[in-house]
PDB file of N, CA and C in Angstrom:
ATOM      1  N   GLN A   1      -6.834 -11.714  25.250  1.00  0.00           N
ATOM      2  CA  GLN A   1      -6.717 -11.201  23.888  1.00  0.00           C
ATOM      3  C   GLN A   1      -6.987  -9.705  23.884  1.00  0.00           C
ATOM      4  N   LEU A   2      -6.098  -8.966  23.246  1.00  0.00           N
ATOM      5  CA  LEU A   2      -6.243  -7.516  23.162  1.00  0.00           C
ATOM      6  C   LEU A   2      -6.771  -7.161  21.780  1.00  0.00           C
ATOM      7  N   GLN A   3      -7.769  -6.313  21.732  1.00  0.00           N
ATOM      8  CA  GLN A   3      -8.281  -5.804  20.472  1.00  0.00           C
ATOM      9  C   GLN A   3      -8.080  -4.299  20.426  1.00  0.00           C
ATOM     10  N   LEU A   4      -7.647  -3.807  19.278  1.00  0.00           N
ATOM     11  CA  LEU A   4      -7.385  -2.385  19.098  1.00  0.00           C
ATOM     12  C   LEU A   4      -8.282  -1.834  18.004  1.00  0.00           C
ATOM     13  N   VAL A   5      -8.856  -0.663  18.257  1.00  0.00           N
ATOM     14  CA  VAL A   5      -9.707  -0.015  17.259  1.00  0.00           C
ATOM     15  C   VAL A   5      -9.270   1.439  17.129  1.00  0.00           C
ATOM     16  N   GLU A   6      -8.858   1.813  15.918  1.00  0.00           N
ATOM     17  CA  GLU A   6      -8.471   3.194  15.656  1.00  0.00           C
ATOM     18  C   GLU A   6      -9.694   3.987  15.201  1.00  0.00           C
ATOM     19  N   SER A   7      -9.685   5.271  15.522  1.00  0.00           N
ATOM     20  CA  SER A   7     -10.740   6.170  15.064  1.00  0.00           C
ATOM     21  C   SER A   7     -10.184   7.583  15.015  1.00  0.00           C
ATOM     22  N   GLY A   8     -10.954   8.489  14.412  1.00  0.00           N
ATOM     23  CA  GLY A   8     -10.567   9.892  14.384  1.00  0.00           C
ATOM     24  C   GLY A   8     -10.008  10.366  13.053  1.00  0.00           C
ATOM     25  N   GLY A   9      -9.845   9.449  12.104  1.00  0.00           N
ATOM     26  CA  GLY A   9      -9.345   9.863  10.807  1.00  0.00           C
ATOM     27  C   GLY A   9     -10.404  10.630  10.028  1.00  0.00           C
ATOM     28  N   GLY A  10      -9.986  11.170   8.892  1.00  0.00           N
ATOM     29  CA  GLY A  10     -10.912  11.899   8.056  1.00  0.00           C
ATOM     30  C   GLY A  10     -10.188  12.763   7.055  1.00  0.00           C
ATOM     31  N   LEU A  11     -10.941  13.666   6.460  1.00  0.00           N
ATOM     32  CA  LEU A  11     -10.405  14.613   5.478  1.00  0.00           C
ATOM     33  C   LEU A  11     -10.171  15.947   6.160  1.00  0.00           C
ATOM     34  N   VAL A  12      -8.986  16.499   5.990  1.00  0.00           N
ATOM     35  CA  VAL A  12      -8.650  17.776   6.607  1.00  0.00           C
ATOM     36  C   VAL A  12      -7.803  18.580   5.628  1.00  0.00           C
ATOM     37  N   GLN A  13      -7.922  19.887   5.703  1.00  0.00           N
ATOM     38  CA  GLN A  13      -7.128  20.751   4.840  1.00  0.00           C
ATOM     39  C   GLN A  13      -5.699  20.862   5.367  1.00  0.00           C
ATOM     40  N   PRO A  14      -4.751  21.163   4.503  1.00  0.00           N
ATOM     41  CA  PRO A  14      -3.380  21.389   4.957  1.00  0.00           C
ATOM     42  C   PRO A  14      -3.347  22.453   6.046  1.00  0.00           C
ATOM     43  N   GLY A  15      -2.550  22.172   7.060  1.00  0.00           N
ATOM     44  CA  GLY A  15      -2.484  23.066   8.205  1.00  0.00           C
ATOM     45  C   GLY A  15      -3.467  22.736   9.303  1.00  0.00           C
ATOM     46  N   GLY A  16      -4.379  21.836   9.025  1.00  0.00           N
ATOM     47  CA  GLY A  16      -5.397  21.471  10.007  1.00  0.00           C
ATOM     48  C   GLY A  16      -4.892  20.436  11.005  1.00  0.00           C
ATOM     49  N   SER A  17      -5.821  20.010  11.872  1.00  0.00           N
ATOM     50  CA  SER A  17      -5.485  19.078  12.946  1.00  0.00           C
ATOM     51  C   SER A  17      -6.491  17.935  12.998  1.00  0.00           C
ATOM     52  N   LEU A  18      -6.017  16.812  13.479  1.00  0.00           N
ATOM     53  CA  LEU A  18      -6.860  15.670  13.779  1.00  0.00           C
ATOM     54  C   LEU A  18      -6.303  15.002  15.032  1.00  0.00           C
ATOM     55  N   ARG A  19      -7.186  14.338  15.776  1.00  0.00           N
ATOM     56  CA  ARG A  19      -6.730  13.523  16.889  1.00  0.00           C
ATOM     57  C   ARG A  19      -7.191  12.096  16.660  1.00  0.00           C
ATOM     58  N   LEU A  20      -6.231  11.211  16.515  1.00  0.00           N
ATOM     59  CA  LEU A  20      -6.537   9.800  16.360  1.00  0.00           C
ATOM     60  C   LEU A  20      -6.585   9.130  17.723  1.00  0.00           C
ATOM     61  N   SER A  21      -7.462   8.141  17.837  1.00  0.00           N
ATOM     62  CA  SER A  21      -7.570   7.354  19.053  1.00  0.00           C
ATOM     63  C   SER A  21      -7.330   5.888  18.745  1.00  0.00           C
ATOM     64  N   CYS A  22      -6.662   5.229  19.661  1.00  0.00           N
ATOM     65  CA  CYS A  22      -6.450   3.786  19.591  1.00  0.00           C
ATOM     66  C   CYS A  22      -7.042   3.221  20.869  1.00  0.00           C
ATOM     67  N   ALA A  23      -8.225   2.645  20.750  1.00  0.00           N
ATOM     68  CA  ALA A  23      -8.932   2.149  21.923  1.00  0.00           C
ATOM     69  C   ALA A  23      -8.734   0.644  22.066  1.00  0.00           C
ATOM     70  N   ALA A  24      -8.463   0.242  23.300  1.00  0.00           N
ATOM     71  CA  ALA A  24      -8.205  -1.169  23.574  1.00  0.00           C
ATOM     72  C   ALA A  24      -9.379  -1.806  24.298  1.00  0.00           C
ATOM     73  N   SER A  25      -9.598  -3.066  24.004  1.00  0.00           N
ATOM     74  CA  SER A  25     -10.590  -3.838  24.749  1.00  0.00           C
ATOM     75  C   SER A  25     -10.016  -5.224  24.999  1.00  0.00           C
ATOM     76  N   GLY A  26     -10.491  -5.834  26.046  1.00  0.00           N
ATOM     77  CA  GLY A  26     -10.031  -7.183  26.356  1.00  0.00           C
ATOM     78  C   GLY A  26      -8.967  -7.213  27.429  1.00  0.00           C
ATOM     79  N   LEU A  27      -7.960  -6.365  27.313  1.00  0.00           N
ATOM     80  CA  LEU A  27      -6.877  -6.300  28.283  1.00  0.00           C
ATOM     81  C   LEU A  27      -6.514  -4.840  28.533  1.00  0.00           C
ATOM     82  N   SER A  28      -5.813  -4.599  29.618  1.00  0.00           N
ATOM     83  CA  SER A  28      -5.371  -3.240  29.914  1.00  0.00           C
ATOM     84  C   SER A  28      -4.225  -2.858  29.001  1.00  0.00           C
ATOM     85  N   LEU A  29      -4.245  -1.615  28.540  1.00  0.00           N
ATOM     86  CA  LEU A  29      -3.250  -1.157  27.577  1.00  0.00           C
ATOM     87  C   LEU A  29      -1.978  -0.642  28.257  1.00  0.00           C
ATOM     88  N   ASP A  30      -2.030  -0.413  29.570  1.00  0.00           N
ATOM     89  CA  ASP A  30      -0.898   0.248  30.215  1.00  0.00           C
ATOM     90  C   ASP A  30       0.336  -0.640  30.301  1.00  0.00           C
ATOM     91  N   MET A  31       0.184  -1.951  30.077  1.00  0.00           N
ATOM     92  CA  MET A  31       1.326  -2.853  30.111  1.00  0.00           C
ATOM     93  C   MET A  31       1.972  -3.028  28.743  1.00  0.00           C
ATOM     94  N   TYR A  32       1.472  -2.304  27.757  1.00  0.00           N
ATOM     95  CA  TYR A  32       1.937  -2.471  26.381  1.00  0.00           C
ATOM     96  C   TYR A  32       2.663  -1.230  25.882  1.00  0.00           C
ATOM     97  N   HIS A  33       3.704  -1.477  25.131  1.00  0.00           N
ATOM     98  CA  HIS A  33       4.351  -0.426  24.357  1.00  0.00           C
ATOM     99  C   HIS A  33       3.473  -0.193  23.131  1.00  0.00           C
ATOM    100  N   VAL A  34       3.026   1.037  22.934  1.00  0.00           N
ATOM    101  CA  VAL A  34       2.055   1.326  21.872  1.00  0.00           C
ATOM    102  C   VAL A  34       2.682   2.227  20.823  1.00  0.00           C
ATOM    103  N   GLY A  35       2.453   1.893  19.590  1.00  0.00           N
ATOM    104  CA  GLY A  35       2.997   2.691  18.500  1.00  0.00           C
ATOM    105  C   GLY A  35       1.959   3.041  17.457  1.00  0.00           C
ATOM    106  N   TRP A  36       2.220   4.122  16.743  1.00  0.00           N
ATOM    107  CA  TRP A  36       1.412   4.516  15.590  1.00  0.00           C
ATOM    108  C   TRP A  36       2.278   4.364  14.338  1.00  0.00           C
ATOM    109  N   PHE A  37       1.694   3.771  13.325  1.00  0.00           N
ATOM    110  CA  PHE A  37       2.343   3.578  12.041  1.00  0.00           C
ATOM    111  C   PHE A  37       1.418   4.142  10.963  1.00  0.00           C
ATOM    112  N   ARG A  38       1.978   4.354   9.785  1.00  0.00           N
ATOM    113  CA  ARG A  38       1.130   4.781   8.674  1.00  0.00           C
ATOM    114  C   ARG A  38       1.627   4.157   7.389  1.00  0.00           C
ATOM    115  N   GLN A  39       0.700   4.012   6.458  1.00  0.00           N
ATOM    116  CA  GLN A  39       1.048   3.459   5.160  1.00  0.00           C
ATOM    117  C   GLN A  39       0.310   4.229   4.082  1.00  0.00           C
ATOM    118  N   ALA A  40       1.086   4.889   3.240  1.00  0.00           N
ATOM    119  CA  ALA A  40       0.536   5.623   2.111  1.00  0.00           C
ATOM    120  C   ALA A  40       0.475   4.683   0.905  1.00  0.00           C
ATOM    121  N   PRO A  41      -0.383   4.985  -0.060  1.00  0.00           N
ATOM    122  CA  PRO A  41      -0.487   4.132  -1.255  1.00  0.00           C
ATOM    123  C   PRO A  41       0.863   3.965  -1.947  1.00  0.00           C
ATOM    124  N   GLY A  42       1.219   2.717  -2.228  1.00  0.00           N
ATOM    125  CA  GLY A  42       2.459   2.431  -2.923  1.00  0.00           C
ATOM    126  C   GLY A  42       3.706   2.522  -2.073  1.00  0.00           C
ATOM    127  N   LYS A  43       3.533   2.758  -0.774  1.00  0.00           N
ATOM    128  CA  LYS A  43       4.695   2.883   0.101  1.00  0.00           C
ATOM    129  C   LYS A  43       4.641   1.848   1.214  1.00  0.00           C
ATOM    130  N   GLU A  44       5.800   1.626   1.822  1.00  0.00           N
ATOM    131  CA  GLU A  44       5.850   0.703   2.942  1.00  0.00           C
ATOM    132  C   GLU A  44       5.301   1.358   4.201  1.00  0.00           C
ATOM    133  N   ARG A  45       4.845   0.508   5.111  1.00  0.00           N
ATOM    134  CA  ARG A  45       4.389   1.015   6.401  1.00  0.00           C
ATOM    135  C   ARG A  45       5.577   1.589   7.160  1.00  0.00           C
ATOM    136  N   GLU A  46       5.373   2.749   7.775  1.00  0.00           N
ATOM    137  CA  GLU A  46       6.460   3.404   8.511  1.00  0.00           C
ATOM    138  C   GLU A  46       6.009   3.761   9.917  1.00  0.00           C
ATOM    139  N   GLY A  47       6.957   3.732  10.822  1.00  0.00           N
ATOM    140  CA  GLY A  47       6.671   4.119  12.200  1.00  0.00           C
ATOM    141  C   GLY A  47       6.567   5.617  12.314  1.00  0.00           C
ATOM    142  N   VAL A  48       5.577   6.080  13.042  1.00  0.00           N
ATOM    143  CA  VAL A  48       5.322   7.506  13.216  1.00  0.00           C
ATOM    144  C   VAL A  48       5.664   7.950  14.639  1.00  0.00           C
ATOM    145  N   SER A  49       5.176   7.210  15.609  1.00  0.00           N
ATOM    146  CA  SER A  49       5.365   7.608  17.000  1.00  0.00           C
ATOM    147  C   SER A  49       5.118   6.405  17.884  1.00  0.00           C
ATOM    148  N   SER A  50       5.670   6.440  19.100  1.00  0.00           N
ATOM    149  CA  SER A  50       5.415   5.374  20.055  1.00  0.00           C
ATOM    150  C   SER A  50       5.554   5.910  21.463  1.00  0.00           C
ATOM    151  N   ILE A  51       4.967   5.146  22.403  1.00  0.00           N
ATOM    152  CA  ILE A  51       5.052   5.512  23.809  1.00  0.00           C
ATOM    153  C   ILE A  51       5.329   4.245  24.596  1.00  0.00           C
ATOM    154  N   SER A  52       6.294   4.359  25.506  1.00  0.00           N
ATOM    155  CA  SER A  52       6.755   3.197  26.258  1.00  0.00           C
ATOM    156  C   SER A  52       5.807   2.853  27.402  1.00  0.00           C
ATOM    157  N   SER A  53       5.731   1.560  27.705  1.00  0.00           N
ATOM    158  CA  SER A  53       4.965   1.118  28.861  1.00  0.00           C
ATOM    159  C   SER A  53       5.770   1.245  30.150  1.00  0.00           C
ATOM    160  N   TYR A  54       7.099   1.411  30.050  1.00  0.00           N
ATOM    161  CA  TYR A  54       7.957   1.442  31.232  1.00  0.00           C
ATOM    162  C   TYR A  54       8.000   2.820  31.880  1.00  0.00           C
ATOM    163  N   ASP A  55       8.324   3.836  31.058  1.00  0.00           N
ATOM    164  CA  ASP A  55       8.542   5.171  31.612  1.00  0.00           C
ATOM    165  C   ASP A  55       7.824   6.264  30.840  1.00  0.00           C
ATOM    166  N   GLU A  56       6.905   5.852  29.978  1.00  0.00           N
ATOM    167  CA  GLU A  56       6.138   6.804  29.174  1.00  0.00           C
ATOM    168  C   GLU A  56       7.013   7.628  28.233  1.00  0.00           C
ATOM    169  N   SER A  57       8.227   7.174  27.990  1.00  0.00           N
ATOM    170  CA  SER A  57       9.063   7.901  27.040  1.00  0.00           C
ATOM    171  C   SER A  57       8.459   7.776  25.647  1.00  0.00           C
ATOM    172  N   THR A  58       8.707   8.777  24.821  1.00  0.00           N
ATOM    173  CA  THR A  58       8.079   8.838  23.514  1.00  0.00           C
ATOM    174  C   THR A  58       9.113   8.913  22.400  1.00  0.00           C
ATOM    175  N   TYR A  59       8.678   8.494  21.234  1.00  0.00           N
ATOM    176  CA  TYR A  59       9.497   8.553  20.028  1.00  0.00           C
ATOM    177  C   TYR A  59       8.669   9.171  18.919  1.00  0.00           C
ATOM    178  N   TYR A  60       9.330   9.978  18.097  1.00  0.00           N
ATOM    179  CA  TYR A  60       8.667  10.552  16.922  1.00  0.00           C
ATOM    180  C   TYR A  60       9.591  10.428  15.710  1.00  0.00           C
ATOM    181  N   ALA A  61       9.021  10.098  14.589  1.00  0.00           N
ATOM    182  CA  ALA A  61       9.777  10.140  13.345  1.00  0.00           C
ATOM    183  C   ALA A  61      10.136  11.590  13.035  1.00  0.00           C
ATOM    184  N   ASP A  62      11.250  11.781  12.357  1.00  0.00           N
ATOM    185  CA  ASP A  62      11.680  13.137  12.021  1.00  0.00           C
ATOM    186  C   ASP A  62      10.610  13.903  11.255  1.00  0.00           C
ATOM    187  N   SER A  63       9.876  13.197  10.425  1.00  0.00           N
ATOM    188  CA  SER A  63       8.883  13.847   9.569  1.00  0.00           C
ATOM    189  C   SER A  63       7.701  14.425  10.336  1.00  0.00           C
ATOM    190  N   VAL A  64       7.508  13.986  11.595  1.00  0.00           N
ATOM    191  CA  VAL A  64       6.354  14.469  12.364  1.00  0.00           C
ATOM    192  C   VAL A  64       6.770  15.171  13.653  1.00  0.00           C
ATOM    193  N   GLN A  65       8.061  15.138  13.961  1.00  0.00           N
ATOM    194  CA  GLN A  65       8.568  15.766  15.177  1.00  0.00           C
ATOM    195  C   GLN A  65       8.114  17.225  15.243  1.00  0.00           C
ATOM    196  N   GLY A  66       7.569  17.608  16.394  1.00  0.00           N
ATOM    197  CA  GLY A  66       7.121  18.979  16.577  1.00  0.00           C
ATOM    198  C   GLY A  66       5.693  19.234  16.121  1.00  0.00           C
ATOM    199  N   ARG A  67       5.106  18.287  15.391  1.00  0.00           N
ATOM    200  CA  ARG A  67       3.728  18.456  14.914  1.00  0.00           C
ATOM    201  C   ARG A  67       2.778  17.437  15.530  1.00  0.00           C
ATOM    202  N   PHE A  68       3.261  16.263  15.838  1.00  0.00           N
ATOM    203  CA  PHE A  68       2.432  15.191  16.400  1.00  0.00           C
ATOM    204  C   PHE A  68       2.788  14.987  17.869  1.00  0.00           C
ATOM    205  N   THR A  69       1.785  14.605  18.653  1.00  0.00           N
ATOM    206  CA  THR A  69       1.999  14.302  20.059  1.00  0.00           C
ATOM    207  C   THR A  69       1.251  13.025  20.413  1.00  0.00           C
ATOM    208  N   ILE A  70       1.965  12.085  21.012  1.00  0.00           N
ATOM    209  CA  ILE A  70       1.351  10.840  21.449  1.00  0.00           C
ATOM    210  C   ILE A  70       1.131  10.905  22.950  1.00  0.00           C
ATOM    211  N   SER A  71       0.014  10.341  23.404  1.00  0.00           N
ATOM    212  CA  SER A  71      -0.273  10.312  24.837  1.00  0.00           C
ATOM    213  C   SER A  71      -1.163   9.113  25.116  1.00  0.00           C
ATOM    214  N   ARG A  72      -1.222   8.734  26.375  1.00  0.00           N
ATOM    215  CA  ARG A  72      -2.074   7.601  26.727  1.00  0.00           C
ATOM    216  C   ARG A  72      -2.934   7.937  27.930  1.00  0.00           C
ATOM    217  N   ASP A  73      -4.120   7.389  27.932  1.00  0.00           N
ATOM    218  CA  ASP A  73      -5.049   7.499  29.056  1.00  0.00           C
ATOM    219  C   ASP A  73      -5.295   6.067  29.517  1.00  0.00           C
ATOM    220  N   ASN A  74      -4.560   5.641  30.533  1.00  0.00           N
ATOM    221  CA  ASN A  74      -4.657   4.245  30.953  1.00  0.00           C
ATOM    222  C   ASN A  74      -6.013   3.910  31.581  1.00  0.00           C
ATOM    223  N   THR A  75      -6.637   4.909  32.156  1.00  0.00           N
ATOM    224  CA  THR A  75      -7.954   4.673  32.748  1.00  0.00           C
ATOM    225  C   THR A  75      -8.964   4.304  31.660  1.00  0.00           C
ATOM    226  N   GLU A  76      -8.894   5.047  30.556  1.00  0.00           N
ATOM    227  CA  GLU A  76      -9.832   4.796  29.460  1.00  0.00           C
ATOM    228  C   GLU A  76      -9.297   3.772  28.472  1.00  0.00           C
ATOM    229  N   LYS A  77      -8.060   3.318  28.661  1.00  0.00           N
ATOM    230  CA  LYS A  77      -7.432   2.356  27.761  1.00  0.00           C
ATOM    231  C   LYS A  77      -7.395   2.888  26.342  1.00  0.00           C
ATOM    232  N   ILE A  78      -6.933   4.116  26.207  1.00  0.00           N
ATOM    233  CA  ILE A  78      -6.830   4.753  24.899  1.00  0.00           C
ATOM    234  C   ILE A  78      -5.455   5.395  24.753  1.00  0.00           C
ATOM    235  N   VAL A  79      -4.890   5.282  23.568  1.00  0.00           N
ATOM    236  CA  VAL A  79      -3.694   6.033  23.215  1.00  0.00           C
ATOM    237  C   VAL A  79      -4.075   6.992  22.095  1.00  0.00           C
ATOM    238  N   TYR A  80      -3.676   8.242  22.263  1.00  0.00           N
ATOM    239  CA  TYR A  80      -4.028   9.276  21.309  1.00  0.00           C
ATOM    240  C   TYR A  80      -2.822   9.681  20.458  1.00  0.00           C
ATOM    241  N   LEU A  81      -3.114  10.145  19.260  1.00  0.00           N
ATOM    242  CA  LEU A  81      -2.099  10.788  18.432  1.00  0.00           C
ATOM    243  C   LEU A  81      -2.683  12.115  17.960  1.00  0.00           C
ATOM    244  N   GLN A  82      -2.230  13.193  18.594  1.00  0.00           N
ATOM    245  CA  GLN A  82      -2.661  14.533  18.191  1.00  0.00           C
ATOM    246  C   GLN A  82      -1.790  14.973  17.028  1.00  0.00           C
ATOM    247  N   MET A  83      -2.416  15.303  15.927  1.00  0.00           N
ATOM    248  CA  MET A  83      -1.688  15.671  14.714  1.00  0.00           C
ATOM    249  C   MET A  83      -2.041  17.100  14.336  1.00  0.00           C
ATOM    250  N   ASN A  84      -1.061  17.968  14.384  1.00  0.00           N
ATOM    251  CA  ASN A  84      -1.242  19.374  14.043  1.00  0.00           C
ATOM    252  C   ASN A  84      -0.434  19.729  12.808  1.00  0.00           C
ATOM    253  N   SER A  85      -0.757  20.847  12.216  1.00  0.00           N
ATOM    254  CA  SER A  85      -0.027  21.347  11.038  1.00  0.00           C
ATOM    255  C   SER A  85       0.104  20.255   9.983  1.00  0.00           C
ATOM    256  N   LEU A  86      -0.999  19.618   9.698  1.00  0.00           N
ATOM    257  CA  LEU A  86      -0.971  18.487   8.775  1.00  0.00           C
ATOM    258  C   LEU A  86      -0.600  18.907   7.367  1.00  0.00           C
ATOM    259  N   LYS A  87       0.119  18.021   6.697  1.00  0.00           N
ATOM    260  CA  LYS A  87       0.598  18.262   5.348  1.00  0.00           C
ATOM    261  C   LYS A  87       0.030  17.184   4.412  1.00  0.00           C
ATOM    262  N   PRO A  88      -0.046  17.464   3.133  1.00  0.00           N
ATOM    263  CA  PRO A  88      -0.535  16.441   2.189  1.00  0.00           C
ATOM    264  C   PRO A  88       0.246  15.133   2.279  1.00  0.00           C
ATOM    265  N   GLU A  89       1.532  15.234   2.590  1.00  0.00           N
ATOM    266  CA  GLU A  89       2.345  14.017   2.687  1.00  0.00           C
ATOM    267  C   GLU A  89       2.035  13.191   3.934  1.00  0.00           C
ATOM    268  N   ASP A  90       1.196  13.700   4.812  1.00  0.00           N
ATOM    269  CA  ASP A  90       0.739  12.916   5.958  1.00  0.00           C
ATOM    270  C   ASP A  90      -0.426  11.990   5.589  1.00  0.00           C
ATOM    271  N   THR A  91      -0.917  12.123   4.375  1.00  0.00           N
ATOM    272  CA  THR A  91      -2.020  11.283   3.929  1.00  0.00           C
ATOM    273  C   THR A  91      -1.617   9.815   3.928  1.00  0.00           C
ATOM    274  N   ALA A  92      -2.400   8.994   4.623  1.00  0.00           N
ATOM    275  CA  ALA A  92      -2.077   7.575   4.756  1.00  0.00           C
ATOM    276  C   ALA A  92      -3.163   6.904   5.596  1.00  0.00           C
ATOM    277  N   VAL A  93      -3.102   5.584   5.624  1.00  0.00           N
ATOM    278  CA  VAL A  93      -3.874   4.841   6.621  1.00  0.00           C
ATOM    279  C   VAL A  93      -2.997   4.730   7.866  1.00  0.00           C
ATOM    280  N   TYR A  94      -3.558   5.109   8.992  1.00  0.00           N
ATOM    281  CA  TYR A  94      -2.822   5.098  10.244  1.00  0.00           C
ATOM    282  C   TYR A  94      -3.261   3.899  11.088  1.00  0.00           C
ATOM    283  N   TYR A  95      -2.272   3.176  11.589  1.00  0.00           N
ATOM    284  CA  TYR A  95      -2.508   1.993  12.393  1.00  0.00           C
ATOM    285  C   TYR A  95      -1.850   2.161  13.757  1.00  0.00           C
ATOM    286  N   CYS A  96      -2.468   1.581  14.772  1.00  0.00           N
ATOM    287  CA  CYS A  96      -1.773   1.494  16.044  1.00  0.00           C
ATOM    288  C   CYS A  96      -1.441   0.030  16.311  1.00  0.00           C
ATOM    289  N   ASN A  97      -0.377  -0.169  17.078  1.00  0.00           N
ATOM    290  CA  ASN A  97      -0.076  -1.522  17.521  1.00  0.00           C
ATOM    291  C   ASN A  97       0.328  -1.492  18.980  1.00  0.00           C
ATOM    292  N   ALA A  98       0.230  -2.638  19.607  1.00  0.00           N
ATOM    293  CA  ALA A  98       0.573  -2.774  21.010  1.00  0.00           C
ATOM    294  C   ALA A  98       1.469  -3.996  21.157  1.00  0.00           C
ATOM    295  N   ILE A  99       2.587  -3.805  21.846  1.00  0.00           N
ATOM    296  CA  ILE A  99       3.582  -4.870  21.978  1.00  0.00           C
ATOM    297  C   ILE A  99       3.868  -5.129  23.454  1.00  0.00           C
ATOM    298  N   ARG A 100       3.894  -6.424  23.800  1.00  0.00           N
ATOM    299  CA  ARG A 100       4.338  -6.835  25.131  1.00  0.00           C
ATOM    300  C   ARG A 100       5.047  -8.157  24.959  1.00  0.00           C
ATOM    301  N   GLY A 101       6.342  -8.156  25.199  1.00  0.00           N
ATOM    302  CA  GLY A 101       7.120  -9.364  24.989  1.00  0.00           C
ATOM    303  C   GLY A 101       7.051  -9.791  23.539  1.00  0.00           C
ATOM    304  N   PRO A 102       6.750 -11.060  23.282  1.00  0.00           N
ATOM    305  CA  PRO A 102       6.716 -11.574  21.911  1.00  0.00           C
ATOM    306  C   PRO A 102       5.395 -11.342  21.186  1.00  0.00           C
ATOM    307  N   THR A 103       4.461 -10.707  21.858  1.00  0.00           N
ATOM    308  CA  THR A 103       3.110 -10.562  21.315  1.00  0.00           C
ATOM    309  C   THR A 103       2.871  -9.157  20.788  1.00  0.00           C
ATOM    310  N   THR A 104       2.342  -9.080  19.574  1.00  0.00           N
ATOM    311  CA  THR A 104       2.009  -7.804  18.951  1.00  0.00           C
ATOM    312  C   THR A 104       0.577  -7.853  18.440  1.00  0.00           C
ATOM    313  N   TYR A 105      -0.154  -6.806  18.729  1.00  0.00           N
ATOM    314  CA  TYR A 105      -1.519  -6.655  18.226  1.00  0.00           C
ATOM    315  C   TYR A 105      -1.584  -5.438  17.324  1.00  0.00           C
ATOM    316  N   TRP A 106      -2.430  -5.520  16.294  1.00  0.00           N
ATOM    317  CA  TRP A 106      -2.631  -4.409  15.369  1.00  0.00           C
ATOM    318  C   TRP A 106      -4.117  -4.071  15.284  1.00  0.00           C
ATOM    319  N   GLY A 107      -4.381  -2.784  15.071  1.00  0.00           N
ATOM    320  CA  GLY A 107      -5.733  -2.363  14.769  1.00  0.00           C
ATOM    321  C   GLY A 107      -5.978  -2.447  13.271  1.00  0.00           C
ATOM    322  N   GLN A 108      -7.188  -2.049  12.858  1.00  0.00           N
ATOM    323  CA  GLN A 108      -7.571  -2.193  11.454  1.00  0.00           C
ATOM    324  C   GLN A 108      -7.217  -0.961  10.628  1.00  0.00           C
ATOM    325  N   GLY A 109      -6.864   0.137  11.283  1.00  0.00           N
ATOM    326  CA  GLY A 109      -6.454   1.337  10.582  1.00  0.00           C
ATOM    327  C   GLY A 109      -7.562   2.358  10.408  1.00  0.00           C
ATOM    328  N   THR A 110      -7.152   3.615  10.276  1.00  0.00           N
ATOM    329  CA  THR A 110      -8.081   4.703  10.006  1.00  0.00           C
ATOM    330  C   THR A 110      -7.449   5.618   8.952  1.00  0.00           C
ATOM    331  N   GLN A 111      -8.240   6.031   7.973  1.00  0.00           N
ATOM    332  CA  GLN A 111      -7.719   6.817   6.855  1.00  0.00           C
ATOM    333  C   GLN A 111      -7.609   8.288   7.241  1.00  0.00           C
ATOM    334  N   VAL A 112      -6.461   8.869   6.947  1.00  0.00           N
ATOM    335  CA  VAL A 112      -6.248  10.305   7.100  1.00  0.00           C
ATOM    336  C   VAL A 112      -5.906  10.864   5.724  1.00  0.00           C
ATOM    337  N   THR A 113      -6.682  11.847   5.290  1.00  0.00           N
ATOM    338  CA  THR A 113      -6.448  12.484   4.000  1.00  0.00           C
ATOM    339  C   THR A 113      -6.286  13.978   4.206  1.00  0.00           C
ATOM    340  N   VAL A 114      -5.153  14.503   3.779  1.00  0.00           N
ATOM    341  CA  VAL A 114      -4.875  15.929   3.910  1.00  0.00           C
ATOM    342  C   VAL A 114      -4.870  16.524   2.506  1.00  0.00           C
ATOM    343  N   SER A 115      -5.886  17.318   2.241  1.00  0.00           N
ATOM    344  CA  SER A 115      -6.048  17.852   0.892  1.00  0.00           C
ATOM    345  C   SER A 115      -6.910  19.100   0.930  1.00  0.00           C
ATOM    346  N   SER A 116      -6.620  20.014   0.014  1.00  0.00           N
ATOM    347  CA  SER A 116      -7.448  21.217  -0.113  1.00  0.00           C
ATOM    348  C   SER A 116      -8.536  21.005  -1.165  1.00  0.00           C
TER     349      SER A 116
END
C-alpha cells in the first residue's frame, strides 16, 4: 500500500515561490507515474504537471508552463513541484497522485493561497 502526503503549501504574495512535496511511504515511488493536480473553490480538479516513471518525461499544463517545475528524488521517495512567479489564479488545493497500472493513489492535499 502506497501512502502519499503533500506538504509545502501556504500563503504567498503574487510573484512569490513555493515548493510542494509529495512524500511516499509504504512502497517505492520510482515505479509510479506521479502527477500534481489542483482544485480551486467551485472548479473541477485539473491536472497541473506530471512526471513519468519510464523516462522521467514531464508534462505541464499551459497555465503553468515556464513557471512550475516537477522533479523526483527516488532515494527520498519524494516528488517536488517548484512553483515560481505565482499568480492569484494559482490559488487552490494541490494534490499529488501516483499511478501504476490500474492502481491510483491520492494524497490529502495542501492549500496554496496567492494573495497580497
